[in-house]
Structures are given as C-alpha cells and as structure tokens.
PDB file of N, CA and C in Angstrom:
ATOM      1  N   UNK A   1      77.288 165.666 -57.094  1.00  0.00           N
ATOM      2  CA  UNK A   1      76.726 164.550 -57.453  1.00  0.00           C
ATOM      3  C   UNK A   1      76.988 163.090 -57.187  1.00  0.00           C
ATOM      4  N   UNK A   2      76.390 162.585 -56.760  1.00  0.00           N
ATOM      5  CA  UNK A   2      76.025 161.191 -56.076  1.00  0.00           C
ATOM      6  C   UNK A   2      76.496 160.181 -57.381  1.00  0.00           C
ATOM      7  N   UNK A   3      77.749 159.375 -56.672  1.00  0.00           N
ATOM      8  CA  UNK A   3      77.754 158.007 -57.163  1.00  0.00           C
ATOM      9  C   UNK A   3      77.673 157.078 -56.070  1.00  0.00           C
ATOM     10  N   UNK A   4      77.094 156.043 -56.590  1.00  0.00           N
ATOM     11  CA  UNK A   4      76.973 154.661 -55.642  1.00  0.00           C
ATOM     12  C   UNK A   4      78.381 153.637 -55.695  1.00  0.00           C
ATOM     13  N   UNK A   5      78.405 153.636 -54.649  1.00  0.00           N
ATOM     14  CA  UNK A   5      80.035 152.455 -54.919  1.00  0.00           C
ATOM     15  C   UNK A   5      79.620 151.174 -54.149  1.00  0.00           C
ATOM     16  N   UNK A   6      79.852 150.257 -55.054  1.00  0.00           N
ATOM     17  CA  UNK A   6      79.705 148.761 -54.291  1.00  0.00           C
ATOM     18  C   UNK A   6      81.162 148.312 -53.589  1.00  0.00           C
ATOM     19  N   UNK A   7      80.941 147.987 -52.588  1.00  0.00           N
ATOM     20  CA  UNK A   7      82.015 147.335 -51.783  1.00  0.00           C
ATOM     21  C   UNK A   7      82.150 146.257 -51.695  1.00  0.00           C
ATOM     22  N   UNK A   8      83.663 145.507 -51.968  1.00  0.00           N
ATOM     23  CA  UNK A   8      83.611 143.942 -51.686  1.00  0.00           C
ATOM     24  C   UNK A   8      83.329 143.729 -50.049  1.00  0.00           C
ATOM     25  N   UNK A   9      82.915 142.377 -49.820  1.00  0.00           N
ATOM     26  CA  UNK A   9      83.103 142.132 -48.634  1.00  0.00           C
ATOM     27  C   UNK A   9      84.237 142.345 -47.611  1.00  0.00           C
ATOM     28  N   UNK A  10      85.397 142.263 -48.643  1.00  0.00           N
ATOM     29  CA  UNK A  10      86.641 142.282 -47.551  1.00  0.00           C
ATOM     30  C   UNK A  10      86.691 143.523 -46.774  1.00  0.00           C
ATOM     31  N   UNK A  11      86.248 144.862 -47.458  1.00  0.00           N
ATOM     32  CA  UNK A  11      86.603 146.195 -47.400  1.00  0.00           C
ATOM     33  C   UNK A  11      85.618 146.797 -46.858  1.00  0.00           C
ATOM     34  N   UNK A  12      84.411 146.002 -46.264  1.00  0.00           N
ATOM     35  CA  UNK A  12      83.027 146.491 -45.618  1.00  0.00           C
ATOM     36  C   UNK A  12      83.139 146.533 -44.097  1.00  0.00           C
ATOM     37  N   UNK A  13      84.494 146.054 -43.601  1.00  0.00           N
ATOM     38  CA  UNK A  13      84.656 146.717 -42.233  1.00  0.00           C
ATOM     39  C   UNK A  13      85.282 147.860 -42.184  1.00  0.00           C
ATOM     40  N   UNK A  14      85.303 148.742 -43.455  1.00  0.00           N
ATOM     41  CA  UNK A  14      85.310 150.066 -43.342  1.00  0.00           C
ATOM     42  C   UNK A  14      84.391 150.586 -43.734  1.00  0.00           C
ATOM     43  N   UNK A  15      83.258 150.234 -43.945  1.00  0.00           N
ATOM     44  CA  UNK A  15      82.232 150.975 -44.520  1.00  0.00           C
ATOM     45  C   UNK A  15      80.825 150.411 -43.519  1.00  0.00           C
ATOM     46  N   UNK A  16      81.479 150.048 -42.134  1.00  0.00           N
ATOM     47  CA  UNK A  16      80.514 149.749 -41.271  1.00  0.00           C
ATOM     48  C   UNK A  16      79.439 149.032 -41.697  1.00  0.00           C
ATOM     49  N   UNK A  17      80.319 148.000 -42.510  1.00  0.00           N
ATOM     50  CA  UNK A  17      79.159 146.461 -43.095  1.00  0.00           C
ATOM     51  C   UNK A  17      78.259 147.070 -44.307  1.00  0.00           C
ATOM     52  N   UNK A  18      78.211 148.098 -44.620  1.00  0.00           N
ATOM     53  CA  UNK A  18      77.469 148.686 -45.972  1.00  0.00           C
ATOM     54  C   UNK A  18      77.726 148.244 -47.231  1.00  0.00           C
ATOM     55  N   UNK A  19      77.312 147.578 -47.799  1.00  0.00           N
ATOM     56  CA  UNK A  19      77.582 146.705 -49.412  1.00  0.00           C
ATOM     57  C   UNK A  19      77.507 147.920 -50.419  1.00  0.00           C
ATOM     58  N   UNK A  20      76.819 148.782 -50.209  1.00  0.00           N
ATOM     59  CA  UNK A  20      76.927 150.149 -50.926  1.00  0.00           C
ATOM     60  C   UNK A  20      77.101 151.414 -50.239  1.00  0.00           C
ATOM     61  N   UNK A  21      77.710 152.276 -50.879  1.00  0.00           N
ATOM     62  CA  UNK A  21      77.956 153.956 -49.892  1.00  0.00           C
ATOM     63  C   UNK A  21      77.827 154.948 -51.368  1.00  0.00           C
ATOM     64  N   UNK A  22      77.406 155.671 -50.782  1.00  0.00           N
ATOM     65  CA  UNK A  22      77.054 157.075 -51.986  1.00  0.00           C
ATOM     66  C   UNK A  22      78.432 158.063 -51.800  1.00  0.00           C
ATOM     67  N   UNK A  23      79.059 158.617 -52.869  1.00  0.00           N
ATOM     68  CA  UNK A  23      79.735 159.435 -52.446  1.00  0.00           C
ATOM     69  C   UNK A  23      79.783 160.733 -53.700  1.00  0.00           C
ATOM     70  N   UNK A  24      80.728 161.549 -53.583  1.00  0.00           N
ATOM     71  CA  UNK A  24      80.782 162.483 -54.677  1.00  0.00           C
ATOM     72  C   UNK A  24      82.028 162.294 -55.185  1.00  0.00           C
ATOM     73  N   UNK A  25      81.813 163.089 -56.488  1.00  0.00           N
ATOM     74  CA  UNK A  25      83.234 162.937 -57.535  1.00  0.00           C
ATOM     75  C   UNK A  25      82.899 162.914 -58.766  1.00  0.00           C
ATOM     76  N   UNK A  26      83.353 164.095 -59.354  1.00  0.00           N
ATOM     77  CA  UNK A  26      83.448 164.100 -61.147  1.00  0.00           C
ATOM     78  C   UNK A  26      84.227 163.017 -61.914  1.00  0.00           C
ATOM     79  N   UNK A  27      85.305 162.514 -61.132  1.00  0.00           N
ATOM     80  CA  UNK A  27      85.785 161.420 -61.771  1.00  0.00           C
ATOM     81  C   UNK A  27      85.993 160.183 -60.766  1.00  0.00           C
ATOM     82  N   UNK A  28      86.607 159.218 -60.938  1.00  0.00           N
ATOM     83  CA  UNK A  28      87.024 158.208 -60.134  1.00  0.00           C
ATOM     84  C   UNK A  28      88.192 158.272 -59.208  1.00  0.00           C
ATOM     85  N   UNK A  29      89.257 158.913 -59.350  1.00  0.00           N
ATOM     86  CA  UNK A  29      89.655 159.741 -58.692  1.00  0.00           C
ATOM     87  C   UNK A  29      89.428 160.723 -57.714  1.00  0.00           C
ATOM     88  N   UNK A  30      88.399 161.891 -58.033  1.00  0.00           N
ATOM     89  CA  UNK A  30      87.596 162.150 -56.827  1.00  0.00           C
ATOM     90  C   UNK A  30      86.846 161.474 -55.849  1.00  0.00           C
ATOM     91  N   UNK A  31      86.172 160.519 -56.806  1.00  0.00           N
ATOM     92  CA  UNK A  31      85.310 159.631 -56.001  1.00  0.00           C
ATOM     93  C   UNK A  31      86.116 158.626 -54.905  1.00  0.00           C
ATOM     94  N   UNK A  32      87.174 158.354 -54.962  1.00  0.00           N
ATOM     95  CA  UNK A  32      87.999 157.500 -54.390  1.00  0.00           C
ATOM     96  C   UNK A  32      88.676 158.578 -53.093  1.00  0.00           C
ATOM     97  N   UNK A  33      88.934 159.833 -53.346  1.00  0.00           N
ATOM     98  CA  UNK A  33      89.423 160.658 -52.401  1.00  0.00           C
ATOM     99  C   UNK A  33      88.366 160.707 -51.328  1.00  0.00           C
ATOM    100  N   UNK A  34      86.980 161.141 -52.163  1.00  0.00           N
ATOM    101  CA  UNK A  34      85.435 161.193 -50.763  1.00  0.00           C
ATOM    102  C   UNK A  34      85.447 159.963 -50.018  1.00  0.00           C
ATOM    103  N   UNK A  35      85.579 158.600 -51.009  1.00  0.00           N
ATOM    104  CA  UNK A  35      85.609 157.641 -50.189  1.00  0.00           C
ATOM    105  C   UNK A  35      86.399 157.638 -49.207  1.00  0.00           C
ATOM    106  N   UNK A  36      87.734 157.939 -48.961  1.00  0.00           N
ATOM    107  CA  UNK A  36      88.880 158.059 -47.996  1.00  0.00           C
ATOM    108  C   UNK A  36      88.325 158.857 -47.053  1.00  0.00           C
ATOM    109  N   UNK A  37      87.708 160.026 -47.339  1.00  0.00           N
ATOM    110  CA  UNK A  37      87.380 161.030 -46.710  1.00  0.00           C
ATOM    111  C   UNK A  37      86.294 160.649 -45.553  1.00  0.00           C
ATOM    112  N   UNK A  38      85.375 160.002 -46.113  1.00  0.00           N
ATOM    113  CA  UNK A  38      83.854 159.054 -45.577  1.00  0.00           C
ATOM    114  C   UNK A  38      84.561 158.084 -44.496  1.00  0.00           C
ATOM    115  N   UNK A  39      85.473 156.988 -45.273  1.00  0.00           N
ATOM    116  CA  UNK A  39      85.981 156.117 -44.661  1.00  0.00           C
ATOM    117  C   UNK A  39      87.276 155.781 -45.040  1.00  0.00           C
ATOM    118  N   UNK A  40      88.291 156.580 -43.603  1.00  0.00           N
ATOM    119  CA  UNK A  40      89.201 155.963 -43.714  1.00  0.00           C
ATOM    120  C   UNK A  40      90.171 155.195 -43.655  1.00  0.00           C
ATOM    121  N   UNK A  41      91.168 154.503 -44.313  1.00  0.00           N
ATOM    122  CA  UNK A  41      91.929 153.013 -44.927  1.00  0.00           C
ATOM    123  C   UNK A  41      91.514 152.795 -46.308  1.00  0.00           C
ATOM    124  N   UNK A  42      90.380 153.463 -46.672  1.00  0.00           N
ATOM    125  CA  UNK A  42      89.854 152.939 -47.976  1.00  0.00           C
ATOM    126  C   UNK A  42      90.963 152.976 -49.383  1.00  0.00           C
ATOM    127  N   UNK A  43      91.438 154.165 -49.005  1.00  0.00           N
ATOM    128  CA  UNK A  43      92.750 154.722 -50.323  1.00  0.00           C
ATOM    129  C   UNK A  43      93.618 153.705 -50.355  1.00  0.00           C
ATOM    130  N   UNK A  44      94.057 153.409 -49.461  1.00  0.00           N
ATOM    131  CA  UNK A  44      95.255 152.495 -49.289  1.00  0.00           C
ATOM    132  C   UNK A  44      94.892 151.094 -49.625  1.00  0.00           C
ATOM    133  N   UNK A  45      93.679 150.741 -49.277  1.00  0.00           N
ATOM    134  CA  UNK A  45      93.707 149.482 -49.851  1.00  0.00           C
ATOM    135  C   UNK A  45      93.139 149.501 -51.566  1.00  0.00           C
ATOM    136  N   UNK A  46      92.712 150.518 -51.871  1.00  0.00           N
ATOM    137  CA  UNK A  46      92.554 150.745 -53.388  1.00  0.00           C
ATOM    138  C   UNK A  46      93.761 151.314 -54.652  1.00  0.00           C
ATOM    139  N   UNK A  47      94.641 152.181 -53.646  1.00  0.00           N
ATOM    140  CA  UNK A  47      95.534 152.578 -54.935  1.00  0.00           C
ATOM    141  C   UNK A  47      96.478 152.336 -53.876  1.00  0.00           C
ATOM    142  N   UNK A  48      98.466 152.074 -54.848  1.00  0.00           N
ATOM    143  CA  UNK A  48      99.194 152.141 -53.917  1.00  0.00           C
ATOM    144  C   UNK A  48     100.156 153.045 -53.792  1.00  0.00           C
ATOM    145  N   UNK A  49     101.332 152.984 -53.364  1.00  0.00           N
ATOM    146  CA  UNK A  49     102.079 154.521 -52.683  1.00  0.00           C
ATOM    147  C   UNK A  49     102.156 155.197 -54.015  1.00  0.00           C
ATOM    148  N   UNK A  50     102.323 155.066 -55.307  1.00  0.00           N
ATOM    149  CA  UNK A  50     102.458 155.935 -56.453  1.00  0.00           C
ATOM    150  C   UNK A  50     101.055 156.707 -56.616  1.00  0.00           C
ATOM    151  N   UNK A  51      99.463 156.417 -55.724  1.00  0.00           N
ATOM    152  CA  UNK A  51      98.716 156.981 -56.340  1.00  0.00           C
ATOM    153  C   UNK A  51      97.712 156.358 -57.478  1.00  0.00           C
ATOM    154  N   UNK A  52      98.244 155.216 -57.788  1.00  0.00           N
ATOM    155  CA  UNK A  52      97.863 154.155 -59.287  1.00  0.00           C
ATOM    156  C   UNK A  52      96.862 153.090 -58.549  1.00  0.00           C
ATOM    157  N   UNK A  53      96.029 152.488 -59.162  1.00  0.00           N
ATOM    158  CA  UNK A  53      95.223 151.630 -59.152  1.00  0.00           C
ATOM    159  C   UNK A  53      95.880 150.432 -58.550  1.00  0.00           C
ATOM    160  N   UNK A  54      95.839 149.564 -57.604  1.00  0.00           N
ATOM    161  CA  UNK A  54      96.451 148.610 -57.120  1.00  0.00           C
ATOM    162  C   UNK A  54      96.426 147.217 -58.191  1.00  0.00           C
ATOM    163  N   UNK A  55      97.227 146.597 -58.810  1.00  0.00           N
ATOM    164  CA  UNK A  55      97.424 145.491 -59.648  1.00  0.00           C
ATOM    165  C   UNK A  55      95.974 144.649 -59.390  1.00  0.00           C
ATOM    166  N   UNK A  56      95.914 144.464 -58.060  1.00  0.00           N
ATOM    167  CA  UNK A  56      94.760 143.124 -57.579  1.00  0.00           C
ATOM    168  C   UNK A  56      93.342 143.817 -57.369  1.00  0.00           C
ATOM    169  N   UNK A  57      93.438 144.846 -57.611  1.00  0.00           N
ATOM    170  CA  UNK A  57      91.945 145.664 -57.350  1.00  0.00           C
ATOM    171  C   UNK A  57      91.452 146.413 -59.049  1.00  0.00           C
ATOM    172  N   UNK A  58      90.288 145.924 -59.155  1.00  0.00           N
ATOM    173  CA  UNK A  58      89.547 146.615 -60.668  1.00  0.00           C
ATOM    174  C   UNK A  58      88.546 147.057 -60.216  1.00  0.00           C
ATOM    175  N   UNK A  59      88.021 148.555 -60.668  1.00  0.00           N
ATOM    176  CA  UNK A  59      87.167 149.108 -60.469  1.00  0.00           C
ATOM    177  C   UNK A  59      86.399 149.363 -61.984  1.00  0.00           C
ATOM    178  N   UNK A  60      84.921 149.086 -61.948  1.00  0.00           N
ATOM    179  CA  UNK A  60      84.153 149.227 -62.623  1.00  0.00           C
ATOM    180  C   UNK A  60      83.093 150.256 -62.750  1.00  0.00           C
ATOM    181  N   UNK A  61      83.238 151.343 -64.218  1.00  0.00           N
ATOM    182  CA  UNK A  61      81.971 152.136 -64.084  1.00  0.00           C
ATOM    183  C   UNK A  61      81.139 151.542 -64.671  1.00  0.00           C
ATOM    184  N   UNK A  62      79.895 151.577 -64.040  1.00  0.00           N
ATOM    185  CA  UNK A  62      78.649 150.668 -64.458  1.00  0.00           C
ATOM    186  C   UNK A  62      79.293 149.416 -64.506  1.00  0.00           C
ATOM    187  N   UNK A  63      79.170 148.879 -66.170  1.00  0.00           N
ATOM    188  CA  UNK A  63      79.993 147.341 -66.586  1.00  0.00           C
ATOM    189  C   UNK A  63      81.349 148.028 -67.108  1.00  0.00           C
ATOM    190  N   UNK A  64      81.634 148.675 -67.223  1.00  0.00           N
ATOM    191  CA  UNK A  64      83.194 148.920 -68.030  1.00  0.00           C
ATOM    192  C   UNK A  64      84.211 149.205 -67.160  1.00  0.00           C
ATOM    193  N   UNK A  65      85.120 148.179 -67.158  1.00  0.00           N
ATOM    194  CA  UNK A  65      86.532 148.641 -66.647  1.00  0.00           C
ATOM    195  C   UNK A  65      87.231 149.404 -66.900  1.00  0.00           C
ATOM    196  N   UNK A  66      87.451 150.601 -65.310  1.00  0.00           N
ATOM    197  CA  UNK A  66      87.898 151.776 -66.096  1.00  0.00           C
ATOM    198  C   UNK A  66      89.461 151.718 -66.289  1.00  0.00           C
ATOM    199  N   UNK A  67      90.093 150.775 -66.305  1.00  0.00           N
ATOM    200  CA  UNK A  67      91.450 150.702 -66.660  1.00  0.00           C
ATOM    201  C   UNK A  67      91.255 150.804 -68.566  1.00  0.00           C
ATOM    202  N   UNK A  68      90.324 150.266 -69.156  1.00  0.00           N
ATOM    203  CA  UNK A  68      89.894 150.075 -70.417  1.00  0.00           C
ATOM    204  C   UNK A  68      89.403 151.668 -70.675  1.00  0.00           C
ATOM    205  N   UNK A  69      89.427 152.422 -69.874  1.00  0.00           N
ATOM    206  CA  UNK A  69      89.139 153.824 -70.446  1.00  0.00           C
ATOM    207  C   UNK A  69      89.766 154.721 -69.647  1.00  0.00           C
ATOM    208  N   UNK A  70      89.634 155.701 -68.912  1.00  0.00           N
ATOM    209  CA  UNK A  70      90.953 156.511 -68.561  1.00  0.00           C
ATOM    210  C   UNK A  70      91.243 156.382 -67.140  1.00  0.00           C
ATOM    211  N   UNK A  71      91.231 154.848 -66.840  1.00  0.00           N
ATOM    212  CA  UNK A  71      91.491 154.742 -65.579  1.00  0.00           C
ATOM    213  C   UNK A  71      90.839 155.569 -64.414  1.00  0.00           C
ATOM    214  N   UNK A  72      92.040 156.290 -63.541  1.00  0.00           N
ATOM    215  CA  UNK A  72      91.144 157.012 -62.541  1.00  0.00           C
ATOM    216  C   UNK A  72      90.837 158.197 -62.777  1.00  0.00           C
ATOM    217  N   UNK A  73      91.288 158.751 -64.081  1.00  0.00           N
ATOM    218  CA  UNK A  73      90.678 160.159 -64.611  1.00  0.00           C
ATOM    219  C   UNK A  73      89.477 159.831 -65.432  1.00  0.00           C
ATOM    220  N   UNK A  74      88.560 158.603 -65.220  1.00  0.00           N
ATOM    221  CA  UNK A  74      87.589 158.253 -66.074  1.00  0.00           C
ATOM    222  C   UNK A  74      86.667 159.195 -65.329  1.00  0.00           C
ATOM    223  N   UNK A  75      85.758 159.848 -66.188  1.00  0.00           N
ATOM    224  CA  UNK A  75      84.440 160.916 -65.913  1.00  0.00           C
ATOM    225  C   UNK A  75      83.433 160.334 -65.230  1.00  0.00           C
ATOM    226  N   UNK A  76      82.786 160.709 -64.474  1.00  0.00           N
ATOM    227  CA  UNK A  76      81.770 160.125 -63.704  1.00  0.00           C
ATOM    228  C   UNK A  76      80.540 160.905 -63.812  1.00  0.00           C
ATOM    229  N   UNK A  77      79.374 160.893 -63.916  1.00  0.00           N
ATOM    230  CA  UNK A  77      77.930 161.318 -64.145  1.00  0.00           C
ATOM    231  C   UNK A  77      76.999 160.965 -63.044  1.00  0.00           C
ATOM    232  N   UNK A  78      76.197 162.043 -62.757  1.00  0.00           N
ATOM    233  CA  UNK A  78      74.936 161.604 -61.747  1.00  0.00           C
ATOM    234  C   UNK A  78      74.634 160.205 -62.073  1.00  0.00           C
ATOM    235  N   UNK A  79      74.185 159.299 -60.801  1.00  0.00           N
ATOM    236  CA  UNK A  79      73.644 158.082 -60.996  1.00  0.00           C
ATOM    237  C   UNK A  79      74.696 156.894 -61.105  1.00  0.00           C
ATOM    238  N   UNK A  80      75.965 157.368 -62.040  1.00  0.00           N
ATOM    239  CA  UNK A  80      76.828 156.418 -62.181  1.00  0.00           C
ATOM    240  C   UNK A  80      77.017 155.295 -61.022  1.00  0.00           C
ATOM    241  N   UNK A  81      77.442 154.142 -61.409  1.00  0.00           N
ATOM    242  CA  UNK A  81      77.638 153.226 -60.118  1.00  0.00           C
ATOM    243  C   UNK A  81      79.212 152.712 -60.078  1.00  0.00           C
ATOM    244  N   UNK A  82      79.939 152.799 -59.265  1.00  0.00           N
ATOM    245  CA  UNK A  82      81.133 152.194 -59.338  1.00  0.00           C
ATOM    246  C   UNK A  82      81.332 150.852 -58.389  1.00  0.00           C
ATOM    247  N   UNK A  83      81.979 150.164 -58.920  1.00  0.00           N
ATOM    248  CA  UNK A  83      82.003 148.505 -58.362  1.00  0.00           C
ATOM    249  C   UNK A  83      83.378 148.293 -58.423  1.00  0.00           C
ATOM    250  N   UNK A  84      83.773 148.306 -57.038  1.00  0.00           N
ATOM    251  CA  UNK A  84      85.378 147.680 -56.566  1.00  0.00           C
ATOM    252  C   UNK A  84      85.155 146.237 -56.564  1.00  0.00           C
ATOM    253  N   UNK A  85      86.139 145.444 -57.163  1.00  0.00           N
ATOM    254  CA  UNK A  85      86.447 144.258 -57.729  1.00  0.00           C
ATOM    255  C   UNK A  85      87.954 143.728 -56.876  1.00  0.00           C
ATOM    256  N   UNK A  86      88.049 143.051 -56.095  1.00  0.00           N
ATOM    257  CA  UNK A  86      89.393 142.489 -56.039  1.00  0.00           C
ATOM    258  C   UNK A  86      89.698 141.214 -56.602  1.00  0.00           C
ATOM    259  N   UNK A  87      90.585 141.137 -57.030  1.00  0.00           N
ATOM    260  CA  UNK A  87      91.106 140.156 -57.840  1.00  0.00           C
ATOM    261  C   UNK A  87      91.391 138.821 -57.320  1.00  0.00           C
ATOM    262  N   UNK A  88      90.330 137.935 -57.814  1.00  0.00           N
ATOM    263  CA  UNK A  88      90.730 136.263 -56.623  1.00  0.00           C
ATOM    264  C   UNK A  88      91.626 135.835 -57.730  1.00  0.00           C
ATOM    265  N   UNK A  89      92.805 135.423 -56.572  1.00  0.00           N
ATOM    266  CA  UNK A  89      93.791 134.436 -57.418  1.00  0.00           C
ATOM    267  C   UNK A  89      93.489 132.883 -57.104  1.00  0.00           C
ATOM    268  N   UNK A  90      93.725 131.872 -58.189  1.00  0.00           N
ATOM    269  CA  UNK A  90      92.858 130.689 -58.162  1.00  0.00           C
ATOM    270  C   UNK A  90      94.361 129.700 -58.978  1.00  0.00           C
ATOM    271  N   UNK A  91      93.981 128.370 -59.263  1.00  0.00           N
ATOM    272  CA  UNK A  91      94.721 127.662 -59.551  1.00  0.00           C
ATOM    273  C   UNK A  91      94.123 126.345 -59.741  1.00  0.00           C
ATOM    274  N   UNK A  92      94.876 125.328 -60.024  1.00  0.00           N
ATOM    275  CA  UNK A  92      94.411 124.082 -60.402  1.00  0.00           C
ATOM    276  C   UNK A  92      94.395 123.052 -59.117  1.00  0.00           C
ATOM    277  N   UNK A  93      93.546 122.243 -58.890  1.00  0.00           N
ATOM    278  CA  UNK A  93      93.338 121.916 -57.750  1.00  0.00           C
ATOM    279  C   UNK A  93      94.483 120.488 -57.544  1.00  0.00           C
TER     280      UNK A  93
END
C-alpha cells in the first residue's frame, strides 16, 4: 500500500532533496519504519528514544493531526498522505 509522505525542508537532506516520497505501511508507525529503511536517519528525527512522536514534530494524515486520532497507531489506506511538520518556535519581537 503506497503512502505519500511530504518531507519538510529541514529533513530533505535525508531524502536526496525530495519534497515527497512514497512509503509502504498500514499504520503511521509502519510508514515511519519504511521511511527509515529507505532514508536512514529519518526515524531518529521523528521519534524520541522511547519510540514516541517527538514533541516538536507534528504528523498529519491527510488534514488530520495524528495526535487527535491514534497517534502512531493511526491506520492508513492506499492514497493517504502524511505530512511531517516541525513545530516552529516563535515569540514577540
């Protein structure tokens, strides 16, 4: 089952500067594993040492934040799109 993953600019060095890549997986966790297999180093930037989604990383399945669903266990279907979005810290000027 092919899933499209949109890669943010800071992580594109790991995907040979590709903005979108295809992976296989029936869940977000399986897609992350396949992403790591194809693009080593990606998993460590997405998941923490306990295997949980890093605080400053958001992943959207289509338009929905996976944290409001079943997080990494969120199920995927063919044609779904995952978007990795690093949180941006900001403040007042």
